[in-house]
Amino acid sequence: MTFNNHVIPFQLGNNTIRGNIVRLQTVVSQIVKRHEYPTNVESLFADILTITACLGSRMKHDGVFTIQAKGTGDVNTLFSDITSDGFLRGYVGLCSDFTNKETNLNSLMGSGHVSFTLDQGKHTKRYQGIVSIEEPSMSKLSELYFNNSEQLETKFLTFNYYDINESNRKKLFSAGLIMLQKMPDKNIFDEETNEEVWQNSLNFLSTLGKEEFLSINITSEEILYRLFNELEIKVYNKIIIKDQCRCSEEKIKIAIKNLSKKELKEIADKDGNVKVVCEFCKTERMFSGFD
């Protein structure tokens, strides 16, 4: 059901802090399941999907928000994007003989970088920020991005059920997170008060456990009020996230027609047919008649 896949913005301390709570049930489970990755990669993938949903939900105009990590390790690519309509998708690129059991991002990806890209069409400037892969998780890398590029103190607390036995997942959300962000001080005399609210919010957040956050028996609003009721919390409307790819038969036909005869011959079967499998949704399509 769509209400089980959402982002809810909120603010604390009279907009001293803004944040999002993200809880994704069927969206993440369906996207992850169709790729059949190893469990440690599923967990990494779930985290980048929820972080993308969190940050991309802030778009004010039609567009696409993308997080892409490129590395030299056994995981060479992590990719996730979301449209302003809430359509989320992603994939992971692995080496052909992948056997890595690590959960640490550095151990899986080696050296490399992560780019955060916001493209809201021709009437706005395309924005991209880049950070090196020098943290053990996507949540820590995202914090580094905001702290360095945006000069905003930011905290991400991510959860997913991919390290939990499958038989115990039925009453749990697949993945989610809470993000907190300290807003710039509007008045220098409020700096001490704002810092106190920030530290209190971090302390309250640290009390949240995985089972509590992922439980389908607790609403996102209940979690927020349990954690932050002492901090003048204001909760906004849900933003619905959907598992929907943007591939289409027409787009693929255009791409194939732009290939040279040599390139077509290399990818076609003996009957001249071209099979295309979408990297994101795994939909298979067969094309012919390009002679």
C-alpha atoms as a PDB file:
ATOM      1  CA  MET A   1       0.000   0.000   0.000  1.00  0.00           C
ATOM      2  CA  THR A   2       1.291   3.448  -0.898  1.00  0.00           C
ATOM      3  CA  PHE A   3       1.042   4.874   2.620  1.00  0.00           C
ATOM      4  CA  ASN A   4       3.649   2.313   3.686  1.00  0.00           C
ATOM      5  CA  ASN A   5       6.212   3.980   1.421  1.00  0.00           C
ATOM      6  CA  HIS A   6       6.661   7.567   2.453  1.00  0.00           C
ATOM      7  CA  VAL A   7       8.802  10.505   3.513  1.00  0.00           C
ATOM      8  CA  ILE A   8       7.522  12.840   6.225  1.00  0.00           C
ATOM      9  CA  PRO A   9       9.261  16.207   6.682  1.00  0.00           C
ATOM     10  CA  PHE A  10       9.336  17.739  10.164  1.00  0.00           C
ATOM     11  CA  GLN A  11      10.999  20.527  12.109  1.00  0.00           C
ATOM     12  CA  LEU A  12      12.124  20.926  15.704  1.00  0.00           C
ATOM     13  CA  GLY A  13      12.659  23.904  18.005  1.00  0.00           C
ATOM     14  CA  ASN A  14      10.848  26.504  15.904  1.00  0.00           C
ATOM     15  CA  ASN A  15      12.766  25.494  12.750  1.00  0.00           C
ATOM     16  CA  THR A  16      16.098  25.314  14.539  1.00  0.00           C
ATOM     17  CA  ILE A  17      16.310  21.811  13.085  1.00  0.00           C
ATOM     18  CA  ARG A  18      14.640  20.304  10.065  1.00  0.00           C
ATOM     19  CA  GLY A  19      14.418  16.654   9.259  1.00  0.00           C
ATOM     20  CA  ASN A  20      12.800  13.779   7.403  1.00  0.00           C
ATOM     21  CA  ILE A  21      11.629  10.370   8.469  1.00  0.00           C
ATOM     22  CA  VAL A  22      11.645   7.819   5.638  1.00  0.00           C
ATOM     23  CA  ARG A  23       9.939   4.426   5.919  1.00  0.00           C
ATOM     24  CA  LEU A  24       9.777   2.214   2.847  1.00  0.00           C
ATOM     25  CA  GLN A  25       8.122  -1.192   2.857  1.00  0.00           C
ATOM     26  CA  THR A  26       7.176  -2.636  -0.545  1.00  0.00           C
ATOM     27  CA  VAL A  27       9.199  -0.121  -2.580  1.00  0.00           C
ATOM     28  CA  VAL A  28      12.582  -1.209  -1.232  1.00  0.00           C
ATOM     29  CA  SER A  29      11.698  -4.897  -0.901  1.00  0.00           C
ATOM     30  CA  GLN A  30      10.517  -5.077  -4.531  1.00  0.00           C
ATOM     31  CA  ILE A  31      13.468  -3.141  -5.957  1.00  0.00           C
ATOM     32  CA  VAL A  32      15.998  -5.183  -3.980  1.00  0.00           C
ATOM     33  CA  LYS A  33      14.337  -8.554  -4.635  1.00  0.00           C
ATOM     34  CA  ARG A  34      14.389  -8.328  -8.430  1.00  0.00           C
ATOM     35  CA  HIS A  35      18.178  -7.879  -8.458  1.00  0.00           C
ATOM     36  CA  GLU A  36      19.076 -10.945  -6.341  1.00  0.00           C
ATOM     37  CA  TYR A  37      22.201  -9.464  -4.749  1.00  0.00           C
ATOM     38  CA  PRO A  38      24.087 -11.032  -1.817  1.00  0.00           C
ATOM     39  CA  THR A  39      22.699 -10.054   1.610  1.00  0.00           C
ATOM     40  CA  ASN A  40      25.492  -7.604   2.473  1.00  0.00           C
ATOM     41  CA  VAL A  41      24.951  -5.811  -0.851  1.00  0.00           C
ATOM     42  CA  GLU A  42      21.170  -5.771  -0.285  1.00  0.00           C
ATOM     43  CA  SER A  43      21.746  -3.854   2.945  1.00  0.00           C
ATOM     44  CA  LEU A  44      24.026  -1.337   1.218  1.00  0.00           C
ATOM     45  CA  PHE A  45      21.522  -0.966  -1.623  1.00  0.00           C
ATOM     46  CA  ALA A  46      18.600  -0.430   0.776  1.00  0.00           C
ATOM     47  CA  ASP A  47      20.479   2.393   2.500  1.00  0.00           C
ATOM     48  CA  ILE A  48      21.250   4.298  -0.710  1.00  0.00           C
ATOM     49  CA  LEU A  49      17.616   3.940  -1.829  1.00  0.00           C
ATOM     50  CA  THR A  50      16.297   5.431   1.425  1.00  0.00           C
ATOM     51  CA  ILE A  51      18.852   8.262   1.421  1.00  0.00           C
ATOM     52  CA  THR A  52      17.914   9.067  -2.190  1.00  0.00           C
ATOM     53  CA  ALA A  53      14.213   9.128  -1.275  1.00  0.00           C
ATOM     54  CA  CYS A  54      14.979  11.370   1.693  1.00  0.00           C
ATOM     55  CA  LEU A  55      17.003  13.977  -0.191  1.00  0.00           C
ATOM     56  CA  GLY A  56      15.101  13.795  -3.491  1.00  0.00           C
ATOM     57  CA  SER A  57      11.749  14.423  -1.806  1.00  0.00           C
ATOM     58  CA  ARG A  58      12.797  18.055  -1.331  1.00  0.00           C
ATOM     59  CA  MET A  59      12.639  18.956  -5.021  1.00  0.00           C
ATOM     60  CA  LYS A  60      10.595  22.089  -5.645  1.00  0.00           C
ATOM     61  CA  HIS A  61      10.349  21.635  -9.432  1.00  0.00           C
ATOM     62  CA  ASP A  62      10.066  18.763 -11.911  1.00  0.00           C
ATOM     63  CA  GLY A  63      13.361  16.933 -12.074  1.00  0.00           C
ATOM     64  CA  VAL A  64      15.589  14.070 -10.950  1.00  0.00           C
ATOM     65  CA  PHE A  65      17.837  13.672  -7.916  1.00  0.00           C
ATOM     66  CA  THR A  66      20.652  11.113  -8.239  1.00  0.00           C
ATOM     67  CA  ILE A  67      23.241   9.536  -5.962  1.00  0.00           C
ATOM     68  CA  GLN A  68      25.988   7.630  -7.774  1.00  0.00           C
ATOM     69  CA  ALA A  69      29.042   5.988  -6.220  1.00  0.00           C
ATOM     70  CA  LYS A  70      31.922   4.716  -8.359  1.00  0.00           C
ATOM     71  CA  GLY A  71      34.713   2.649  -6.853  1.00  0.00           C
ATOM     72  CA  THR A  72      37.638   0.371  -7.609  1.00  0.00           C
ATOM     73  CA  GLY A  73      36.482  -2.508  -5.379  1.00  0.00           C
ATOM     74  CA  ASP A  74      34.273  -5.575  -5.776  1.00  0.00           C
ATOM     75  CA  VAL A  75      31.273  -3.211  -5.785  1.00  0.00           C
ATOM     76  CA  ASN A  76      32.120  -0.785  -8.602  1.00  0.00           C
ATOM     77  CA  THR A  77      28.828   1.113  -8.855  1.00  0.00           C
ATOM     78  CA  LEU A  78      26.029   2.167  -6.535  1.00  0.00           C
ATOM     79  CA  PHE A  79      23.266   4.087  -8.305  1.00  0.00           C
ATOM     80  CA  SER A  80      19.895   5.387  -7.201  1.00  0.00           C
ATOM     81  CA  ASP A  81      17.653   8.173  -8.455  1.00  0.00           C
ATOM     82  CA  ILE A  82      14.214   9.593  -7.806  1.00  0.00           C
ATOM     83  CA  THR A  83      11.934  11.900  -9.789  1.00  0.00           C
ATOM     84  CA  SER A  84       9.889  14.797  -8.426  1.00  0.00           C
ATOM     85  CA  ASP A  85       6.890  12.433  -8.787  1.00  0.00           C
ATOM     86  CA  GLY A  86       8.442  10.077  -6.232  1.00  0.00           C
ATOM     87  CA  PHE A  87       9.505   7.358  -8.714  1.00  0.00           C
ATOM     88  CA  LEU A  88      12.477   5.566  -7.134  1.00  0.00           C
ATOM     89  CA  ARG A  89      14.875   3.106  -8.789  1.00  0.00           C
ATOM     90  CA  GLY A  90      18.474   1.896  -8.567  1.00  0.00           C
ATOM     91  CA  TYR A  91      21.040  -0.832  -9.163  1.00  0.00           C
ATOM     92  CA  VAL A  92      24.440  -2.067  -7.956  1.00  0.00           C
ATOM     93  CA  GLY A  93      27.382  -2.999 -10.187  1.00  0.00           C
ATOM     94  CA  LEU A  94      29.413  -5.989  -8.941  1.00  0.00           C
ATOM     95  CA  CYS A  95      32.555  -7.689 -10.232  1.00  0.00           C
ATOM     96  CA  SER A  96      31.835 -10.944 -12.083  1.00  0.00           C
ATOM     97  CA  ASP A  97      33.303 -13.206  -9.382  1.00  0.00           C
ATOM     98  CA  PHE A  98      31.892 -11.339  -6.382  1.00  0.00           C
ATOM     99  CA  THR A  99      32.396 -13.178  -3.055  1.00  0.00           C
ATOM    100  CA  ASN A 100      33.066 -10.247  -0.686  1.00  0.00           C
ATOM    101  CA  LYS A 101      31.274 -10.708   2.670  1.00  0.00           C
ATOM    102  CA  GLU A 102      32.118  -7.268   4.089  1.00  0.00           C
ATOM    103  CA  THR A 103      29.464  -4.714   5.058  1.00  0.00           C
ATOM    104  CA  ASN A 104      31.851  -1.759   5.277  1.00  0.00           C
ATOM    105  CA  LEU A 105      31.497   0.588   2.292  1.00  0.00           C
ATOM    106  CA  ASN A 106      35.260   1.139   2.021  1.00  0.00           C
ATOM    107  CA  SER A 107      35.936  -2.612   2.010  1.00  0.00           C
ATOM    108  CA  LEU A 108      33.339  -3.186  -0.717  1.00  0.00           C
ATOM    109  CA  MET A 109      34.049  -0.214  -3.004  1.00  0.00           C
ATOM    110  CA  GLY A 110      37.713   0.601  -2.420  1.00  0.00           C
ATOM    111  CA  SER A 111      38.777   4.094  -3.486  1.00  0.00           C
ATOM    112  CA  GLY A 112      36.404   6.280  -5.454  1.00  0.00           C
ATOM    113  CA  HIS A 113      33.812   9.010  -5.100  1.00  0.00           C
ATOM    114  CA  VAL A 114      30.100   9.660  -4.635  1.00  0.00           C
ATOM    115  CA  SER A 115      28.227  12.325  -6.571  1.00  0.00           C
ATOM    116  CA  PHE A 116      24.968  13.966  -5.468  1.00  0.00           C
ATOM    117  CA  THR A 117      23.226  15.496  -8.498  1.00  0.00           C
ATOM    118  CA  LEU A 118      20.082  17.616  -8.718  1.00  0.00           C
ATOM    119  CA  ASP A 119      18.721  18.288 -12.208  1.00  0.00           C
ATOM    120  CA  GLN A 120      15.442  20.221 -12.325  1.00  0.00           C
ATOM    121  CA  GLY A 121      15.310  20.943 -16.028  1.00  0.00           C
ATOM    122  CA  LYS A 122      16.375  23.683 -18.386  1.00  0.00           C
ATOM    123  CA  HIS A 123      14.997  26.542 -16.279  1.00  0.00           C
ATOM    124  CA  THR A 124      17.221  25.787 -13.280  1.00  0.00           C
ATOM    125  CA  LYS A 125      20.957  25.274 -12.824  1.00  0.00           C
ATOM    126  CA  ARG A 126      22.089  21.654 -12.576  1.00  0.00           C
ATOM    127  CA  TYR A 127      23.824  21.113  -9.244  1.00  0.00           C
ATOM    128  CA  GLN A 128      26.378  18.441  -8.371  1.00  0.00           C
ATOM    129  CA  GLY A 129      28.422  17.818  -5.236  1.00  0.00           C
ATOM    130  CA  ILE A 130      31.155  15.174  -4.965  1.00  0.00           C
ATOM    131  CA  VAL A 131      32.804  13.507  -1.955  1.00  0.00           C
ATOM    132  CA  SER A 132      35.479  10.823  -1.769  1.00  0.00           C
ATOM    133  CA  ILE A 133      34.630   7.356  -0.473  1.00  0.00           C
ATOM    134  CA  GLU A 134      36.327   7.700   2.894  1.00  0.00           C
ATOM    135  CA  GLU A 135      33.574   6.626   5.285  1.00  0.00           C
ATOM    136  CA  PRO A 136      32.297   3.141   6.247  1.00  0.00           C
ATOM    137  CA  SER A 137      28.666   3.715   5.175  1.00  0.00           C
ATOM    138  CA  MET A 138      26.446   5.709   2.824  1.00  0.00           C
ATOM    139  CA  SER A 139      24.891   7.490   5.819  1.00  0.00           C
ATOM    140  CA  LYS A 140      28.307   8.730   7.017  1.00  0.00           C
ATOM    141  CA  LEU A 141      29.236   9.782   3.475  1.00  0.00           C
ATOM    142  CA  SER A 142      25.985  11.737   3.166  1.00  0.00           C
ATOM    143  CA  GLU A 143      26.729  13.500   6.454  1.00  0.00           C
ATOM    144  CA  LEU A 144      30.195  14.362   5.134  1.00  0.00           C
ATOM    145  CA  TYR A 145      28.669  15.767   1.947  1.00  0.00           C
ATOM    146  CA  PHE A 146      26.373  18.152   3.850  1.00  0.00           C
ATOM    147  CA  ASN A 147      28.965  19.120   6.439  1.00  0.00           C
ATOM    148  CA  ASN A 148      31.580  19.948   3.778  1.00  0.00           C
ATOM    149  CA  SER A 149      29.590  21.107   0.740  1.00  0.00           C
ATOM    150  CA  GLU A 150      26.580  22.729   2.382  1.00  0.00           C
ATOM    151  CA  GLN A 151      28.116  23.682   5.762  1.00  0.00           C
ATOM    152  CA  LEU A 152      25.098  22.124   7.470  1.00  0.00           C
ATOM    153  CA  GLU A 153      25.541  19.830  10.452  1.00  0.00           C
ATOM    154  CA  THR A 154      23.608  16.707   9.466  1.00  0.00           C
ATOM    155  CA  LYS A 155      22.827  13.345  11.027  1.00  0.00           C
ATOM    156  CA  PHE A 156      21.524  10.247   9.217  1.00  0.00           C
ATOM    157  CA  LEU A 157      20.352   7.191  11.148  1.00  0.00           C
ATOM    158  CA  THR A 158      19.520   4.377   8.697  1.00  0.00           C
ATOM    159  CA  PHE A 159      17.857   1.020   9.308  1.00  0.00           C
ATOM    160  CA  ASN A 160      16.999  -1.989   7.142  1.00  0.00           C
ATOM    161  CA  TYR A 161      15.993  -5.595   7.768  1.00  0.00           C
ATOM    162  CA  TYR A 162      18.492  -7.339   5.486  1.00  0.00           C
ATOM    163  CA  ASP A 163      20.603  -8.624   8.373  1.00  0.00           C
ATOM    164  CA  ILE A 164      17.488 -10.079  10.032  1.00  0.00           C
ATOM    165  CA  ASN A 165      16.293 -13.633   9.375  1.00  0.00           C
ATOM    166  CA  GLU A 166      13.633 -13.680   6.620  1.00  0.00           C
ATOM    167  CA  SER A 167      11.106 -15.426   8.872  1.00  0.00           C
ATOM    168  CA  ASN A 168      11.237 -12.419  11.247  1.00  0.00           C
ATOM    169  CA  ARG A 169      10.684  -9.722   8.601  1.00  0.00           C
ATOM    170  CA  LYS A 170       6.906  -9.980   8.169  1.00  0.00           C
ATOM    171  CA  LYS A 171       6.018  -7.236  10.651  1.00  0.00           C
ATOM    172  CA  LEU A 172       8.861  -4.913   9.700  1.00  0.00           C
ATOM    173  CA  PHE A 173       9.413  -2.151   7.185  1.00  0.00           C
ATOM    174  CA  SER A 174      12.160  -3.060   4.701  1.00  0.00           C
ATOM    175  CA  ALA A 175      14.194   0.083   5.294  1.00  0.00           C
ATOM    176  CA  GLY A 176      14.128   3.655   6.443  1.00  0.00           C
ATOM    177  CA  LEU A 177      15.942   6.487   8.145  1.00  0.00           C
ATOM    178  CA  ILE A 178      15.706   9.646  10.169  1.00  0.00           C
ATOM    179  CA  MET A 179      17.680  12.676   9.033  1.00  0.00           C
ATOM    180  CA  LEU A 180      18.318  15.711  11.223  1.00  0.00           C
ATOM    181  CA  GLN A 181      19.823  18.946   9.945  1.00  0.00           C
ATOM    182  CA  LYS A 182      20.855  21.948  12.019  1.00  0.00           C
ATOM    183  CA  MET A 183      19.711  25.116  10.298  1.00  0.00           C
ATOM    184  CA  PRO A 184      21.962  28.201  10.072  1.00  0.00           C
ATOM    185  CA  ASP A 185      21.648  30.512  13.077  1.00  0.00           C
ATOM    186  CA  LYS A 186      19.417  33.444  12.165  1.00  0.00           C
ATOM    187  CA  ASN A 187      20.420  35.410  15.237  1.00  0.00           C
ATOM    188  CA  ILE A 188      23.830  35.209  16.875  1.00  0.00           C
ATOM    189  CA  PHE A 189      22.198  35.560  20.322  1.00  0.00           C
ATOM    190  CA  ASP A 190      20.264  32.309  19.716  1.00  0.00           C
ATOM    191  CA  GLU A 191      23.377  30.279  18.941  1.00  0.00           C
ATOM    192  CA  GLU A 192      23.658  28.723  22.399  1.00  0.00           C
ATOM    193  CA  THR A 193      19.966  27.830  22.469  1.00  0.00           C
ATOM    194  CA  ASN A 194      20.118  26.336  18.969  1.00  0.00           C
ATOM    195  CA  GLU A 195      23.140  24.225  19.885  1.00  0.00           C
ATOM    196  CA  GLU A 196      21.295  22.921  22.937  1.00  0.00           C
ATOM    197  CA  VAL A 197      18.295  21.906  20.799  1.00  0.00           C
ATOM    198  CA  TRP A 198      20.662  20.201  18.319  1.00  0.00           C
ATOM    199  CA  GLN A 199      22.446  18.205  21.014  1.00  0.00           C
ATOM    200  CA  ASN A 200      19.143  17.221  22.635  1.00  0.00           C
ATOM    201  CA  SER A 201      17.769  16.049  19.298  1.00  0.00           C
ATOM    202  CA  LEU A 202      20.853  13.876  18.728  1.00  0.00           C
ATOM    203  CA  ASN A 203      20.568  12.430  22.231  1.00  0.00           C
ATOM    204  CA  PHE A 204      16.886  11.587  21.740  1.00  0.00           C
ATOM    205  CA  LEU A 205      17.603  10.061  18.337  1.00  0.00           C
ATOM    206  CA  SER A 206      20.309   7.812  19.817  1.00  0.00           C
ATOM    207  CA  THR A 207      17.656   6.050  21.935  1.00  0.00           C
ATOM    208  CA  LEU A 208      15.864   4.697  18.832  1.00  0.00           C
ATOM    209  CA  GLY A 209      16.360   0.971  18.195  1.00  0.00           C
ATOM    210  CA  LYS A 210      16.086  -0.918  14.921  1.00  0.00           C
ATOM    211  CA  GLU A 211      13.114  -3.124  15.891  1.00  0.00           C
ATOM    212  CA  GLU A 212      11.135  -0.103  17.109  1.00  0.00           C
ATOM    213  CA  PHE A 213      11.839   1.956  13.996  1.00  0.00           C
ATOM    214  CA  LEU A 214      11.070  -0.822  11.511  1.00  0.00           C
ATOM    215  CA  SER A 215       7.925  -2.111  13.258  1.00  0.00           C
ATOM    216  CA  ILE A 216       4.787  -1.804  11.092  1.00  0.00           C
ATOM    217  CA  ASN A 217       2.733  -1.536  14.298  1.00  0.00           C
ATOM    218  CA  ILE A 218       4.080   1.953  15.021  1.00  0.00           C
ATOM    219  CA  THR A 219       3.302   4.894  12.727  1.00  0.00           C
ATOM    220  CA  SER A 220       6.001   7.292  11.593  1.00  0.00           C
ATOM    221  CA  GLU A 221       4.235  10.107  13.425  1.00  0.00           C
ATOM    222  CA  GLU A 222       4.239   8.096  16.656  1.00  0.00           C
ATOM    223  CA  ILE A 223       7.983   7.541  16.343  1.00  0.00           C
ATOM    224  CA  LEU A 224       8.605  11.257  15.847  1.00  0.00           C
ATOM    225  CA  TYR A 225       6.463  12.307  18.808  1.00  0.00           C
ATOM    226  CA  ARG A 226       8.025   9.656  21.056  1.00  0.00           C
ATOM    227  CA  LEU A 227      11.487  10.945  20.210  1.00  0.00           C
ATOM    228  CA  PHE A 228      11.074  14.684  19.906  1.00  0.00           C
ATOM    229  CA  ASN A 229       7.909  15.750  21.747  1.00  0.00           C
ATOM    230  CA  GLU A 230       9.966  17.955  24.105  1.00  0.00           C
ATOM    231  CA  LEU A 231      11.427  19.935  21.195  1.00  0.00           C
ATOM    232  CA  GLU A 232       8.379  21.728  19.722  1.00  0.00           C
ATOM    233  CA  ILE A 233       7.974  19.262  16.873  1.00  0.00           C
ATOM    234  CA  LYS A 234       5.968  20.197  13.792  1.00  0.00           C
ATOM    235  CA  VAL A 235       5.110  17.377  11.363  1.00  0.00           C
ATOM    236  CA  TYR A 236       4.166  17.926   7.694  1.00  0.00           C
ATOM    237  CA  ASN A 237       2.247  15.867   5.140  1.00  0.00           C
ATOM    238  CA  LYS A 238       3.486  12.543   3.784  1.00  0.00           C
ATOM    239  CA  ILE A 239       5.263  12.384   0.441  1.00  0.00           C
ATOM    240  CA  ILE A 240       4.509   9.061  -1.279  1.00  0.00           C
ATOM    241  CA  ILE A 241       7.400   7.098  -2.811  1.00  0.00           C
ATOM    242  CA  LYS A 242       6.791   4.616  -5.654  1.00  0.00           C
ATOM    243  CA  ASP A 243       8.700   1.730  -7.232  1.00  0.00           C
ATOM    244  CA  GLN A 244       8.565   2.820 -10.853  1.00  0.00           C
ATOM    245  CA  CYS A 245      11.183   2.706 -13.592  1.00  0.00           C
ATOM    246  CA  ARG A 246      11.403   5.274 -16.375  1.00  0.00           C
ATOM    247  CA  CYS A 247      12.483   2.893 -19.139  1.00  0.00           C
ATOM    248  CA  SER A 248      10.206   2.557 -22.170  1.00  0.00           C
ATOM    249  CA  GLU A 249      10.100   0.682 -25.466  1.00  0.00           C
ATOM    250  CA  GLU A 250      10.193   3.937 -27.401  1.00  0.00           C
ATOM    251  CA  LYS A 251      13.368   5.186 -25.675  1.00  0.00           C
ATOM    252  CA  ILE A 252      15.140   1.886 -26.314  1.00  0.00           C
ATOM    253  CA  LYS A 253      14.108   1.846 -29.995  1.00  0.00           C
ATOM    254  CA  ILE A 254      15.598   5.304 -30.454  1.00  0.00           C
ATOM    255  CA  ALA A 255      18.832   4.223 -28.752  1.00  0.00           C
ATOM    256  CA  ILE A 256      19.115   1.121 -30.959  1.00  0.00           C
ATOM    257  CA  LYS A 257      18.446   3.097 -34.141  1.00  0.00           C
ATOM    258  CA  ASN A 258      21.344   5.392 -33.240  1.00  0.00           C
ATOM    259  CA  LEU A 259      23.776   2.463 -33.241  1.00  0.00           C
ATOM    260  CA  SER A 260      25.993   1.750 -36.243  1.00  0.00           C
ATOM    261  CA  LYS A 261      25.508  -1.441 -38.308  1.00  0.00           C
ATOM    262  CA  LYS A 262      28.677  -2.839 -36.765  1.00  0.00           C
ATOM    263  CA  GLU A 263      27.425  -2.181 -33.237  1.00  0.00           C
ATOM    264  CA  LEU A 264      24.034  -3.718 -34.047  1.00  0.00           C
ATOM    265  CA  LYS A 265      25.677  -6.832 -35.440  1.00  0.00           C
ATOM    266  CA  GLU A 266      27.725  -7.243 -32.249  1.00  0.00           C
ATOM    267  CA  ILE A 267      24.666  -7.235 -29.947  1.00  0.00           C
ATOM    268  CA  ALA A 268      22.131  -9.035 -32.197  1.00  0.00           C
ATOM    269  CA  ASP A 269      21.483 -12.795 -32.141  1.00  0.00           C
ATOM    270  CA  LYS A 270      21.790 -15.032 -35.227  1.00  0.00           C
ATOM    271  CA  ASP A 271      18.286 -14.036 -36.360  1.00  0.00           C
ATOM    272  CA  GLY A 272      19.047 -10.328 -36.111  1.00  0.00           C
ATOM    273  CA  ASN A 273      17.064  -9.775 -32.919  1.00  0.00           C
ATOM    274  CA  VAL A 274      18.309  -7.481 -30.158  1.00  0.00           C
ATOM    275  CA  LYS A 275      17.474  -8.365 -26.561  1.00  0.00           C
ATOM    276  CA  VAL A 276      17.527  -5.499 -24.069  1.00  0.00           C
ATOM    277  CA  VAL A 277      17.257  -5.943 -20.294  1.00  0.00           C
ATOM    278  CA  CYS A 278      16.727  -2.810 -18.204  1.00  0.00           C
ATOM    279  CA  GLU A 279      19.455  -2.478 -15.565  1.00  0.00           C
ATOM    280  CA  PHE A 280      16.941  -0.998 -13.126  1.00  0.00           C
ATOM    281  CA  CYS A 281      13.668  -2.942 -13.385  1.00  0.00           C
ATOM    282  CA  LYS A 282      15.013  -6.065 -15.171  1.00  0.00           C
ATOM    283  CA  THR A 283      12.274  -5.867 -17.828  1.00  0.00           C
ATOM    284  CA  GLU A 284      13.295  -7.833 -20.937  1.00  0.00           C
ATOM    285  CA  ARG A 285      12.396  -6.552 -24.400  1.00  0.00           C
ATOM    286  CA  MET A 286      13.153  -8.054 -27.823  1.00  0.00           C
ATOM    287  CA  PHE A 287      13.594  -5.861 -30.905  1.00  0.00           C
ATOM    288  CA  SER A 288      13.971  -6.787 -34.569  1.00  0.00           C
ATOM    289  CA  GLY A 289      13.798  -5.306 -38.073  1.00  0.00           C
ATOM    290  CA  PHE A 290      16.854  -3.059 -37.939  1.00  0.00           C
ATOM    291  CA  ASP A 291      18.422  -4.316 -41.188  1.00  0.00           C
END
